[in-house]
Each structure stands twice: as C-alpha cells, then as structure tokens.
C-alpha atoms as a PDB file:
ATOM      1  CA  UNK A   1      97.149  93.465 107.527  1.00  0.00           C
ATOM      2  CA  UNK A   2      93.522  93.401 106.606  1.00  0.00           C
ATOM      3  CA  UNK A   3      91.801  96.519 105.392  1.00  0.00           C
ATOM      4  CA  UNK A   4      89.104  96.289 108.063  1.00  0.00           C
ATOM      5  CA  UNK A   5      86.530  97.195 105.423  1.00  0.00           C
ATOM      6  CA  UNK A   6      84.843  93.825 105.788  1.00  0.00           C
ATOM      7  CA  UNK A   7      81.877  92.804 103.733  1.00  0.00           C
ATOM      8  CA  UNK A   8      79.819  95.836 104.509  1.00  0.00           C
ATOM      9  CA  UNK A   9      81.842  98.673 105.939  1.00  0.00           C
ATOM     10  CA  UNK A  10      80.701 100.988 108.714  1.00  0.00           C
ATOM     11  CA  UNK A  11      78.647 103.195 106.421  1.00  0.00           C
ATOM     12  CA  UNK A  12      76.811 100.160 105.097  1.00  0.00           C
ATOM     13  CA  UNK A  13      75.935  98.551 108.431  1.00  0.00           C
ATOM     14  CA  UNK A  14      73.093  96.142 107.852  1.00  0.00           C
ATOM     15  CA  UNK A  15      70.500  94.653 110.152  1.00  0.00           C
ATOM     16  CA  UNK A  16      69.954  91.237 108.672  1.00  0.00           C
ATOM     17  CA  UNK A  17      68.815  87.727 109.273  1.00  0.00           C
ATOM     18  CA  UNK A  18      71.107  84.733 109.575  1.00  0.00           C
ATOM     19  CA  UNK A  19      70.612  83.281 106.087  1.00  0.00           C
ATOM     20  CA  UNK A  20      71.618  86.543 104.394  1.00  0.00           C
ATOM     21  CA  UNK A  21      74.656  86.849 106.659  1.00  0.00           C
ATOM     22  CA  UNK A  22      75.703  83.286 105.846  1.00  0.00           C
ATOM     23  CA  UNK A  23      75.438  83.947 102.103  1.00  0.00           C
ATOM     24  CA  UNK A  24      77.689  86.978 102.436  1.00  0.00           C
ATOM     25  CA  UNK A  25      80.239  85.030 104.473  1.00  0.00           C
ATOM     26  CA  UNK A  26      80.324  82.233 101.895  1.00  0.00           C
ATOM     27  CA  UNK A  27      80.988  84.785  99.166  1.00  0.00           C
ATOM     28  CA  UNK A  28      83.741  86.599 101.056  1.00  0.00           C
ATOM     29  CA  UNK A  29      86.834  87.118  98.933  1.00  0.00           C
ATOM     30  CA  UNK A  30      89.086  87.601 101.964  1.00  0.00           C
ATOM     31  CA  UNK A  31      91.328  84.633 102.757  1.00  0.00           C
ATOM     32  CA  UNK A  32      91.770  84.158 105.621  1.00  0.00           C
ATOM     33  CA  UNK A  33      88.576  85.752 106.960  1.00  0.00           C
ATOM     34  CA  UNK A  34      88.467  86.986 110.552  1.00  0.00           C
ATOM     35  CA  UNK A  35      84.959  87.322 111.977  1.00  0.00           C
ATOM     36  CA  UNK A  36      84.238  89.036 115.290  1.00  0.00           C
ATOM     37  CA  UNK A  37      80.978  88.467 117.154  1.00  0.00           C
ATOM     38  CA  UNK A  38      80.371  90.948 119.957  1.00  0.00           C
ATOM     39  CA  UNK A  39      77.489  92.014 122.157  1.00  0.00           C
ATOM     40  CA  UNK A  40      76.471  92.039 125.798  1.00  0.00           C
ATOM     41  CA  UNK A  41      76.990  88.952 127.959  1.00  0.00           C
ATOM     42  CA  UNK A  42      74.303  86.368 127.288  1.00  0.00           C
ATOM     43  CA  UNK A  43      73.202  87.815 123.942  1.00  0.00           C
ATOM     44  CA  UNK A  44      73.835  84.623 121.967  1.00  0.00           C
ATOM     45  CA  UNK A  45      77.353  85.140 120.585  1.00  0.00           C
ATOM     46  CA  UNK A  46      78.532  81.578 121.232  1.00  0.00           C
ATOM     47  CA  UNK A  47      75.300  80.164 119.827  1.00  0.00           C
ATOM     48  CA  UNK A  48      75.750  82.173 116.620  1.00  0.00           C
ATOM     49  CA  UNK A  49      79.419  81.129 116.320  1.00  0.00           C
ATOM     50  CA  UNK A  50      78.475  77.460 116.646  1.00  0.00           C
ATOM     51  CA  UNK A  51      75.718  77.874 114.085  1.00  0.00           C
ATOM     52  CA  UNK A  52      78.136  79.457 111.603  1.00  0.00           C
ATOM     53  CA  UNK A  53      80.605  76.608 112.239  1.00  0.00           C
ATOM     54  CA  UNK A  54      77.968  74.064 111.199  1.00  0.00           C
ATOM     55  CA  UNK A  55      77.294  75.929 107.959  1.00  0.00           C
ATOM     56  CA  UNK A  56      80.814  76.857 106.852  1.00  0.00           C
ATOM     57  CA  UNK A  57      83.764  74.579 106.254  1.00  0.00           C
ATOM     58  CA  UNK A  58      87.241  75.219 107.628  1.00  0.00           C
ATOM     59  CA  UNK A  59      86.147  77.428 110.516  1.00  0.00           C
ATOM     60  CA  UNK A  60      87.686  77.702 113.976  1.00  0.00           C
ATOM     61  CA  UNK A  61      86.232  79.512 117.005  1.00  0.00           C
ATOM     62  CA  UNK A  62      88.121  81.259 119.797  1.00  0.00           C
ATOM     63  CA  UNK A  63      86.093  82.335 122.828  1.00  0.00           C
ATOM     64  CA  UNK A  64      86.918  85.522 124.718  1.00  0.00           C
ATOM     65  CA  UNK A  65      85.882  83.678 127.917  1.00  0.00           C
ATOM     66  CA  UNK A  66      89.046  81.584 127.472  1.00  0.00           C
ATOM     67  CA  UNK A  67      91.215  84.706 127.219  1.00  0.00           C
ATOM     68  CA  UNK A  68      90.130  87.003 130.072  1.00  0.00           C
ATOM     69  CA  UNK A  69      92.495  87.020 133.046  1.00  0.00           C
ATOM     70  CA  UNK A  70      89.736  86.356 135.589  1.00  0.00           C
ATOM     71  CA  UNK A  71      87.028  88.687 136.862  1.00  0.00           C
ATOM     72  CA  UNK A  72      89.205  91.683 137.767  1.00  0.00           C
ATOM     73  CA  UNK A  73      89.636  94.139 134.879  1.00  0.00           C
ATOM     74  CA  UNK A  74      88.773  91.514 132.250  1.00  0.00           C
ATOM     75  CA  UNK A  75      88.800  93.948 129.300  1.00  0.00           C
ATOM     76  CA  UNK A  76      92.272  95.336 129.908  1.00  0.00           C
ATOM     77  CA  UNK A  77      94.872  96.656 127.504  1.00  0.00           C
ATOM     78  CA  UNK A  78      96.979  93.624 128.415  1.00  0.00           C
ATOM     79  CA  UNK A  79      94.191  91.393 127.070  1.00  0.00           C
ATOM     80  CA  UNK A  80      94.097  93.362 123.809  1.00  0.00           C
ATOM     81  CA  UNK A  81      97.868  93.114 123.355  1.00  0.00           C
ATOM     82  CA  UNK A  82      97.933  89.379 124.127  1.00  0.00           C
ATOM     83  CA  UNK A  83      95.139  88.595 121.650  1.00  0.00           C
ATOM     84  CA  UNK A  84      96.730  90.724 118.941  1.00  0.00           C
ATOM     85  CA  UNK A  85     100.163  89.134 119.366  1.00  0.00           C
ATOM     86  CA  UNK A  86      99.129  85.511 119.950  1.00  0.00           C
ATOM     87  CA  UNK A  87      96.018  85.186 117.771  1.00  0.00           C
ATOM     88  CA  UNK A  88      95.177  87.963 115.308  1.00  0.00           C
ATOM     89  CA  UNK A  89      98.566  88.836 113.821  1.00  0.00           C
ATOM     90  CA  UNK A  90      99.576  85.173 113.368  1.00  0.00           C
ATOM     91  CA  UNK A  91      96.219  84.330 111.792  1.00  0.00           C
ATOM     92  CA  UNK A  92      96.406  87.136 109.248  1.00  0.00           C
ATOM     93  CA  UNK A  93     100.009  86.176 108.462  1.00  0.00           C
ATOM     94  CA  UNK A  94      98.861  82.533 108.014  1.00  0.00           C
ATOM     95  CA  UNK A  95     101.073  81.350 110.874  1.00  0.00           C
ATOM     96  CA  UNK A  96     100.118  78.899 113.606  1.00  0.00           C
ATOM     97  CA  UNK A  97      98.141  80.210 116.565  1.00  0.00           C
ATOM     98  CA  UNK A  98      99.070  79.213 120.111  1.00  0.00           C
ATOM     99  CA  UNK A  99      97.621  80.706 123.281  1.00  0.00           C
ATOM    100  CA  UNK A 100      97.078  79.820 126.924  1.00  0.00           C
ATOM    101  CA  UNK A 101      93.489  79.135 127.989  1.00  0.00           C
ATOM    102  CA  UNK A 102      92.248  80.600 131.258  1.00  0.00           C
ATOM    103  CA  UNK A 103      91.028  78.049 133.786  1.00  0.00           C
ATOM    104  CA  UNK A 104      88.216  79.630 135.836  1.00  0.00           C
ATOM    105  CA  UNK A 105      88.422  76.886 138.504  1.00  0.00           C
ATOM    106  CA  UNK A 106      92.133  77.353 139.257  1.00  0.00           C
ATOM    107  CA  UNK A 107      92.121  81.058 138.318  1.00  0.00           C
ATOM    108  CA  UNK A 108      95.179  80.799 136.103  1.00  0.00           C
ATOM    109  CA  UNK A 109      96.175  80.194 132.525  1.00  0.00           C
ATOM    110  CA  UNK A 110      97.103  76.573 131.990  1.00  0.00           C
ATOM    111  CA  UNK A 111      96.394  74.533 128.847  1.00  0.00           C
ATOM    112  CA  UNK A 112      98.124  75.669 125.671  1.00  0.00           C
ATOM    113  CA  UNK A 113      95.715  75.707 122.754  1.00  0.00           C
ATOM    114  CA  UNK A 114      96.866  75.315 119.167  1.00  0.00           C
ATOM    115  CA  UNK A 115      94.491  76.444 116.448  1.00  0.00           C
ATOM    116  CA  UNK A 116      94.872  74.869 113.008  1.00  0.00           C
ATOM    117  CA  UNK A 117      94.804  77.061 109.931  1.00  0.00           C
ATOM    118  CA  UNK A 118      91.319  77.711 108.611  1.00  0.00           C
ATOM    119  CA  UNK A 119      89.697  79.944 106.017  1.00  0.00           C
ATOM    120  CA  UNK A 120      87.445  81.420 108.699  1.00  0.00           C
ATOM    121  CA  UNK A 121      88.334  82.319 112.277  1.00  0.00           C
ATOM    122  CA  UNK A 122      85.621  83.518 114.650  1.00  0.00           C
ATOM    123  CA  UNK A 123      86.598  85.530 117.718  1.00  0.00           C
ATOM    124  CA  UNK A 124      83.485  85.705 119.849  1.00  0.00           C
ATOM    125  CA  UNK A 125      82.679  87.285 123.188  1.00  0.00           C
ATOM    126  CA  UNK A 126      82.470  90.619 124.936  1.00  0.00           C
ATOM    127  CA  UNK A 127      85.341  92.697 123.555  1.00  0.00           C
ATOM    128  CA  UNK A 128      85.823  90.739 120.324  1.00  0.00           C
ATOM    129  CA  UNK A 129      85.025  93.774 118.172  1.00  0.00           C
ATOM    130  CA  UNK A 130      87.073  96.358 120.052  1.00  0.00           C
ATOM    131  CA  UNK A 131      89.047  99.093 118.311  1.00  0.00           C
ATOM    132  CA  UNK A 132      92.412  97.383 118.928  1.00  0.00           C
ATOM    133  CA  UNK A 133      91.268  94.517 116.684  1.00  0.00           C
ATOM    134  CA  UNK A 134      89.454  96.381 113.907  1.00  0.00           C
ATOM    135  CA  UNK A 135      92.367  96.519 111.487  1.00  0.00           C
ATOM    136  CA  UNK A 136      92.369  92.698 111.480  1.00  0.00           C
ATOM    137  CA  UNK A 137      88.603  92.120 111.307  1.00  0.00           C
ATOM    138  CA  UNK A 138      86.961  91.371 107.961  1.00  0.00           C
ATOM    139  CA  UNK A 139      83.415  90.865 109.250  1.00  0.00           C
ATOM    140  CA  UNK A 140      82.228  92.481 112.494  1.00  0.00           C
ATOM    141  CA  UNK A 141      78.899  91.245 113.848  1.00  0.00           C
ATOM    142  CA  UNK A 142      77.006  92.880 116.695  1.00  0.00           C
ATOM    143  CA  UNK A 143      74.253  90.956 118.481  1.00  0.00           C
ATOM    144  CA  UNK A 144      71.563  93.250 119.825  1.00  0.00           C
ATOM    145  CA  UNK A 145      70.183  92.244 123.244  1.00  0.00           C
ATOM    146  CA  UNK A 146      68.805  93.798 126.432  1.00  0.00           C
ATOM    147  CA  UNK A 147      71.649  93.506 129.007  1.00  0.00           C
ATOM    148  CA  UNK A 148      69.227  92.410 131.738  1.00  0.00           C
ATOM    149  CA  UNK A 149      67.919  89.572 129.558  1.00  0.00           C
ATOM    150  CA  UNK A 150      71.503  88.609 128.777  1.00  0.00           C
ATOM    151  CA  UNK A 151      72.449  88.587 132.467  1.00  0.00           C
ATOM    152  CA  UNK A 152      69.616  86.229 133.344  1.00  0.00           C
ATOM    153  CA  UNK A 153      70.586  83.917 130.486  1.00  0.00           C
ATOM    154  CA  UNK A 154      74.163  83.765 131.814  1.00  0.00           C
ATOM    155  CA  UNK A 155      72.935  83.012 135.361  1.00  0.00           C
ATOM    156  CA  UNK A 156      70.632  80.285 134.058  1.00  0.00           C
ATOM    157  CA  UNK A 157      73.509  78.752 132.080  1.00  0.00           C
ATOM    158  CA  UNK A 158      76.356  79.086 134.613  1.00  0.00           C
ATOM    159  CA  UNK A 159      74.581  79.188 137.989  1.00  0.00           C
ATOM    160  CA  UNK A 160      73.498  81.661 140.642  1.00  0.00           C
ATOM    161  CA  UNK A 161      76.949  81.495 142.298  1.00  0.00           C
ATOM    162  CA  UNK A 162      78.420  83.788 139.635  1.00  0.00           C
ATOM    163  CA  UNK A 163      75.792  86.558 139.913  1.00  0.00           C
ATOM    164  CA  UNK A 164      78.030  88.797 142.063  1.00  0.00           C
ATOM    165  CA  UNK A 165      80.919  88.400 139.617  1.00  0.00           C
ATOM    166  CA  UNK A 166      78.631  88.991 136.643  1.00  0.00           C
ATOM    167  CA  UNK A 167      77.256  92.219 138.123  1.00  0.00           C
ATOM    168  CA  UNK A 168      80.836  93.468 138.390  1.00  0.00           C
ATOM    169  CA  UNK A 169      81.567  92.248 134.867  1.00  0.00           C
ATOM    170  CA  UNK A 170      78.539  94.169 133.548  1.00  0.00           C
ATOM    171  CA  UNK A 171      80.017  97.405 134.921  1.00  0.00           C
ATOM    172  CA  UNK A 172      83.233  96.693 132.986  1.00  0.00           C
ATOM    173  CA  UNK A 173      81.215  95.671 129.934  1.00  0.00           C
ATOM    174  CA  UNK A 174      79.158  98.862 129.971  1.00  0.00           C
ATOM    175  CA  UNK A 175      82.254 101.058 130.295  1.00  0.00           C
ATOM    176  CA  UNK A 176      83.911  99.139 127.486  1.00  0.00           C
ATOM    177  CA  UNK A 177      81.003  99.469 125.063  1.00  0.00           C
ATOM    178  CA  UNK A 178      80.443 103.112 125.971  1.00  0.00           C
ATOM    179  CA  UNK A 179      84.080 103.875 125.126  1.00  0.00           C
ATOM    180  CA  UNK A 180      84.449 101.520 122.147  1.00  0.00           C
ATOM    181  CA  UNK A 181      81.020 102.115 120.533  1.00  0.00           C
ATOM    182  CA  UNK A 182      81.361  98.599 119.129  1.00  0.00           C
ATOM    183  CA  UNK A 183      77.815  98.415 117.799  1.00  0.00           C
ATOM    184  CA  UNK A 184      78.448 101.513 115.653  1.00  0.00           C
ATOM    185  CA  UNK A 185      81.439  99.873 113.984  1.00  0.00           C
ATOM    186  CA  UNK A 186      79.806  96.521 113.272  1.00  0.00           C
ATOM    187  CA  UNK A 187      79.218  95.608 109.644  1.00  0.00           C
ATOM    188  CA  UNK A 188      76.149  93.553 110.545  1.00  0.00           C
ATOM    189  CA  UNK A 189      73.638  93.565 113.381  1.00  0.00           C
ATOM    190  CA  UNK A 190      71.521  90.579 114.328  1.00  0.00           C
ATOM    191  CA  UNK A 191      68.882  90.259 117.019  1.00  0.00           C
ATOM    192  CA  UNK A 192      69.948  88.069 119.916  1.00  0.00           C
ATOM    193  CA  UNK A 193      68.076  86.730 122.929  1.00  0.00           C
ATOM    194  CA  UNK A 194      65.303  85.981 123.395  1.00  0.00           C
END
C-alpha cells in the first residue's frame, strides 16, 4: 500500500500553477504513481487529466463518470468498494486492471475495460479523492471552481436534457464534499473554470 503522503502532504498543501505541478509529477519517486483529480462537476478535471497525459509518458486515465451506477446515489459505498477492489488495489500491486464501464444510454454496465500498466494512473471525477481511496493516492489534486459555473459548463457540454439529473447530482456532490472535506486533504489546489 502507498503511504498516502504524496508529493506534498496535507500540511504542505500548495496552490500552484500547472507547470510547477507537472515538474513535481515528473520528479515523483513513487512507482507506480496514483493521481486523483477531484472537484465539483464541470470544474475542469477531465481537461486537466488530458493535459497531464500529453505531458507525461506512460499515463492512463480512468474517469469516475464511467464508474457511477447511474444517477441514483452515485457516490455510494458500493462505488468505493468496487473502485478499490477492481482498480486501486490491483494498480498498486502492479496487477492488471479490469472493470465494467457504465453505459449512460442503456443504464447498465456493459463493456469490460482493461487498463495497461503505466507509471502514472489518473483517477479523475467527483469522488476521486475520497477518504476510502487516500491510502492509495500519491498525488491528490483539487480543482477550485464555483459550483454554479461548473453546472453551466456541464449543461453546455452535455445538453439541457440532463439539467434535472445534474441538479440532483449536485445535492449528492455537496453532501459528499461536506462529509469528505476533499479539498482539505488535497496535496495541490489549482484554479479551474473559467
């Protein structure tokens, strides 16, 4: 198991820009290195993960959106257990990762995803930095963003038809972050949207 101390540690939480974060990731001694990117919906987590992928070699990304079991109780204990067993523990033990991806159109898990071994694994999305995962996480990143700005970015990206679902999701998100205090446990904080 990882120490969870990461590159900064809770007491040394840093607000930083992207180039400084990238330098620290490149110099990480941890192998493999698990990176969580968390923050409110629409804050820019996926965008940051894709940017890191372009700048680091041997990096894989897993999106929390592919792991939720639909709109009802998306941040459940069952989700935490499934991610720990299927993704985090195997990754840290340098074993192959296999998980079922949620299909939002059919509302069920269908395609099995296999993730090749990589030096860096990014778990990004709402809930990626939760307490159940912290013992595995080497680098925890929080993206700061106004939730209302984030909501409108999600609606613009995914369409007005999901607004009702997103409003319900925001209630779950707010409860989750209030309980988990994820931003307090992040090693690094970056500004997100706009």
